[in-house]
Amino acid sequence: MNWNHIEQLEKMARDLEEYFRKTDYRFKQEPKGEEQLAWLKSLRFYVGEEF
């Protein structure tokens, strides 16, 4: 695994954390953003699709 993959995985982890944080009822008033696609981007990464 090269550094680029590690950086991609770290970014995906941060985005997924934010996605799941915003699904918590305590944060429902916060605006939704790019993190809403985090699960889809992660899935595409693991099946080998480009995004």
C-alpha atoms as a PDB file:
ATOM      1  CA  MET A   1       0.000   0.000   0.000  1.00  0.00           C
ATOM      2  CA  ASN A   2       1.439   3.355  -0.939  1.00  0.00           C
ATOM      3  CA  TRP A   3       1.056   6.720   0.791  1.00  0.00           C
ATOM      4  CA  ASN A   4      -1.637   7.851  -1.615  1.00  0.00           C
ATOM      5  CA  HIS A   5      -3.841   4.925  -0.588  1.00  0.00           C
ATOM      6  CA  ILE A   6      -3.192   5.607   3.080  1.00  0.00           C
ATOM      7  CA  GLU A   7      -4.180   9.254   2.627  1.00  0.00           C
ATOM      8  CA  GLN A   8      -7.339   8.207   0.764  1.00  0.00           C
ATOM      9  CA  LEU A   9      -8.278   5.759   3.526  1.00  0.00           C
ATOM     10  CA  GLU A  10      -7.678   8.368   6.224  1.00  0.00           C
ATOM     11  CA  LYS A  11      -9.877  10.893   4.396  1.00  0.00           C
ATOM     12  CA  MET A  12     -12.600   8.297   3.902  1.00  0.00           C
ATOM     13  CA  ALA A  13     -12.455   7.466   7.622  1.00  0.00           C
ATOM     14  CA  ARG A  14     -12.830  11.150   8.570  1.00  0.00           C
ATOM     15  CA  ASP A  15     -15.722  11.600   6.119  1.00  0.00           C
ATOM     16  CA  LEU A  16     -17.484   8.481   7.420  1.00  0.00           C
ATOM     17  CA  GLU A  17     -17.064   9.655  11.014  1.00  0.00           C
ATOM     18  CA  GLU A  18     -18.678  12.974  10.092  1.00  0.00           C
ATOM     19  CA  TYR A  19     -21.459  11.205   8.191  1.00  0.00           C
ATOM     20  CA  PHE A  20     -22.314   9.009  11.175  1.00  0.00           C
ATOM     21  CA  ARG A  21     -22.004  11.931  13.594  1.00  0.00           C
ATOM     22  CA  LYS A  22     -24.591  13.864  11.608  1.00  0.00           C
ATOM     23  CA  THR A  23     -27.003  10.927  11.690  1.00  0.00           C
ATOM     24  CA  ASP A  24     -27.169  11.420  15.476  1.00  0.00           C
ATOM     25  CA  TYR A  25     -30.363  13.223  16.482  1.00  0.00           C
ATOM     26  CA  ARG A  26     -28.339  15.711  18.559  1.00  0.00           C
ATOM     27  CA  PHE A  27     -26.741  17.125  15.409  1.00  0.00           C
ATOM     28  CA  LYS A  28     -29.741  17.048  13.072  1.00  0.00           C
ATOM     29  CA  GLN A  29     -29.831  20.861  12.920  1.00  0.00           C
ATOM     30  CA  GLU A  30     -26.367  20.983  11.298  1.00  0.00           C
ATOM     31  CA  PRO A  31     -26.400  21.396   7.529  1.00  0.00           C
ATOM     32  CA  LYS A  32     -25.715  18.307   5.484  1.00  0.00           C
ATOM     33  CA  GLY A  33     -22.797  18.449   3.105  1.00  0.00           C
ATOM     34  CA  GLU A  34     -20.343  16.408   1.083  1.00  0.00           C
ATOM     35  CA  GLU A  35     -20.059  13.878   3.908  1.00  0.00           C
ATOM     36  CA  GLN A  36     -23.466  12.523   2.892  1.00  0.00           C
ATOM     37  CA  LEU A  37     -21.748  10.720   0.000  1.00  0.00           C
ATOM     38  CA  ALA A  38     -18.991   9.239   2.194  1.00  0.00           C
ATOM     39  CA  TRP A  39     -20.570   5.778   2.363  1.00  0.00           C
ATOM     40  CA  LEU A  40     -20.926   5.647  -1.425  1.00  0.00           C
ATOM     41  CA  LYS A  41     -17.365   6.834  -2.052  1.00  0.00           C
ATOM     42  CA  SER A  42     -16.032   4.229   0.388  1.00  0.00           C
ATOM     43  CA  LEU A  43     -18.008   1.476  -1.291  1.00  0.00           C
ATOM     44  CA  ARG A  44     -16.762   2.528  -4.713  1.00  0.00           C
ATOM     45  CA  PHE A  45     -13.175   2.618  -3.456  1.00  0.00           C
ATOM     46  CA  TYR A  46     -13.383  -0.927  -2.145  1.00  0.00           C
ATOM     47  CA  VAL A  47     -14.941  -2.346  -5.311  1.00  0.00           C
ATOM     48  CA  GLY A  48     -12.384  -0.556  -7.465  1.00  0.00           C
ATOM     49  CA  GLU A  49     -14.468   2.166  -9.110  1.00  0.00           C
ATOM     50  CA  GLU A  50     -13.147   5.665  -9.659  1.00  0.00           C
ATOM     51  CA  PHE A  51     -14.938   8.658  -8.158  1.00  0.00           C
END
